[in-house]
Amino acid sequence: MTKLLAYMLPGWFLILVFSLVTAYCVPVEVSSAPWFALMTVAIWAICVVVPCVIYYLRTPPGISYK
């Protein structure tokens, strides 16, 4: 489980950076647009799902390398 969290840490960092950029650098007209909301959800999903997929491809469930 610790290894999974280590894989997810860069994704959380990207979500944090994206949120800060959205809050301080993106104009209100853009951030209130419906397409921007969908893009935000897609980016958040990619930042969480991709590290999990990489983790499970490298260490499939049920296999212990201890």
C-alpha atoms as a PDB file:
ATOM      1  CA  MET A   1       0.000   0.000   0.000  1.00  0.00           C
ATOM      2  CA  THR A   2       2.869   2.372   0.719  1.00  0.00           C
ATOM      3  CA  LYS A   3       4.214   1.757  -2.765  1.00  0.00           C
ATOM      4  CA  LEU A   4       0.824   2.666  -4.249  1.00  0.00           C
ATOM      5  CA  LEU A   5       0.812   5.928  -2.321  1.00  0.00           C
ATOM      6  CA  ALA A   6       4.303   6.652  -3.628  1.00  0.00           C
ATOM      7  CA  TYR A   7       3.028   6.144  -7.177  1.00  0.00           C
ATOM      8  CA  MET A   8       0.067   8.458  -6.514  1.00  0.00           C
ATOM      9  CA  LEU A   9       2.119  11.264  -4.959  1.00  0.00           C
ATOM     10  CA  PRO A  10       3.113  12.854  -8.321  1.00  0.00           C
ATOM     11  CA  GLY A  11      -0.549  12.793  -9.382  1.00  0.00           C
ATOM     12  CA  TRP A  12      -1.578  14.598  -6.206  1.00  0.00           C
ATOM     13  CA  PHE A  13       1.182  17.122  -6.804  1.00  0.00           C
ATOM     14  CA  LEU A  14      -0.095  17.736 -10.354  1.00  0.00           C
ATOM     15  CA  ILE A  15      -3.646  18.200  -9.025  1.00  0.00           C
ATOM     16  CA  LEU A  16      -2.353  20.743  -6.512  1.00  0.00           C
ATOM     17  CA  VAL A  17      -0.385  22.631  -9.175  1.00  0.00           C
ATOM     18  CA  PHE A  18      -3.342  22.580 -11.579  1.00  0.00           C
ATOM     19  CA  SER A  19      -5.659  23.880  -8.844  1.00  0.00           C
ATOM     20  CA  LEU A  20      -3.289  26.708  -7.965  1.00  0.00           C
ATOM     21  CA  VAL A  21      -2.833  27.677 -11.620  1.00  0.00           C
ATOM     22  CA  THR A  22      -6.598  27.582 -12.121  1.00  0.00           C
ATOM     23  CA  ALA A  23      -7.214  29.722  -9.047  1.00  0.00           C
ATOM     24  CA  TYR A  24      -4.607  32.388  -9.731  1.00  0.00           C
ATOM     25  CA  CYS A  25      -3.774  32.435 -13.460  1.00  0.00           C
ATOM     26  CA  VAL A  26      -6.889  31.416 -15.399  1.00  0.00           C
ATOM     27  CA  PRO A  27      -9.456  34.152 -16.111  1.00  0.00           C
ATOM     28  CA  VAL A  28     -12.925  33.774 -14.595  1.00  0.00           C
ATOM     29  CA  GLU A  29     -14.515  33.589 -18.053  1.00  0.00           C
ATOM     30  CA  VAL A  30     -12.494  30.481 -18.841  1.00  0.00           C
ATOM     31  CA  SER A  31     -12.762  28.795 -15.444  1.00  0.00           C
ATOM     32  CA  SER A  32     -16.552  29.183 -15.393  1.00  0.00           C
ATOM     33  CA  ALA A  33     -17.008  27.618 -18.839  1.00  0.00           C
ATOM     34  CA  PRO A  34     -18.614  24.144 -18.962  1.00  0.00           C
ATOM     35  CA  TRP A  35     -15.803  22.707 -21.089  1.00  0.00           C
ATOM     36  CA  PHE A  36     -13.256  23.821 -18.496  1.00  0.00           C
ATOM     37  CA  ALA A  37     -15.149  21.985 -15.750  1.00  0.00           C
ATOM     38  CA  LEU A  38     -15.126  18.807 -17.848  1.00  0.00           C
ATOM     39  CA  MET A  39     -11.426  19.242 -18.591  1.00  0.00           C
ATOM     40  CA  THR A  40     -10.722  19.699 -14.874  1.00  0.00           C
ATOM     41  CA  VAL A  41     -12.523  16.456 -14.018  1.00  0.00           C
ATOM     42  CA  ALA A  42     -10.647  14.633 -16.784  1.00  0.00           C
ATOM     43  CA  ILE A  43      -7.270  15.927 -15.585  1.00  0.00           C
ATOM     44  CA  TRP A  44      -8.041  14.967 -11.980  1.00  0.00           C
ATOM     45  CA  ALA A  45      -9.133  11.481 -13.076  1.00  0.00           C
ATOM     46  CA  ILE A  46      -5.996  11.020 -15.167  1.00  0.00           C
ATOM     47  CA  CYS A  47      -3.782  12.159 -12.278  1.00  0.00           C
ATOM     48  CA  VAL A  48      -5.342   9.549  -9.980  1.00  0.00           C
ATOM     49  CA  VAL A  49      -6.095   6.635 -12.329  1.00  0.00           C
ATOM     50  CA  VAL A  50      -2.866   6.521 -14.362  1.00  0.00           C
ATOM     51  CA  PRO A  51      -0.562   5.993 -11.344  1.00  0.00           C
ATOM     52  CA  CYS A  52      -2.887   3.234 -10.068  1.00  0.00           C
ATOM     53  CA  VAL A  53      -2.831   1.494 -13.448  1.00  0.00           C
ATOM     54  CA  ILE A  54       0.960   1.736 -13.613  1.00  0.00           C
ATOM     55  CA  TYR A  55       1.221   0.318 -10.083  1.00  0.00           C
ATOM     56  CA  TYR A  56      -1.061  -2.643 -10.824  1.00  0.00           C
ATOM     57  CA  LEU A  57       0.691  -3.396 -14.109  1.00  0.00           C
ATOM     58  CA  ARG A  58       4.058  -3.492 -12.345  1.00  0.00           C
ATOM     59  CA  THR A  59       2.819  -5.440  -9.283  1.00  0.00           C
ATOM     60  CA  PRO A  60      -0.367  -7.378 -10.064  1.00  0.00           C
ATOM     61  CA  PRO A  61      -2.699  -8.134  -7.124  1.00  0.00           C
ATOM     62  CA  GLY A  62      -2.012 -11.452  -5.417  1.00  0.00           C
ATOM     63  CA  ILE A  63       1.715 -11.478  -6.198  1.00  0.00           C
ATOM     64  CA  SER A  64       4.032 -10.819  -3.290  1.00  0.00           C
ATOM     65  CA  TYR A  65       7.668  -9.924  -3.925  1.00  0.00           C
ATOM     66  CA  LYS A  66       8.717 -10.073  -0.251  1.00  0.00           C
END
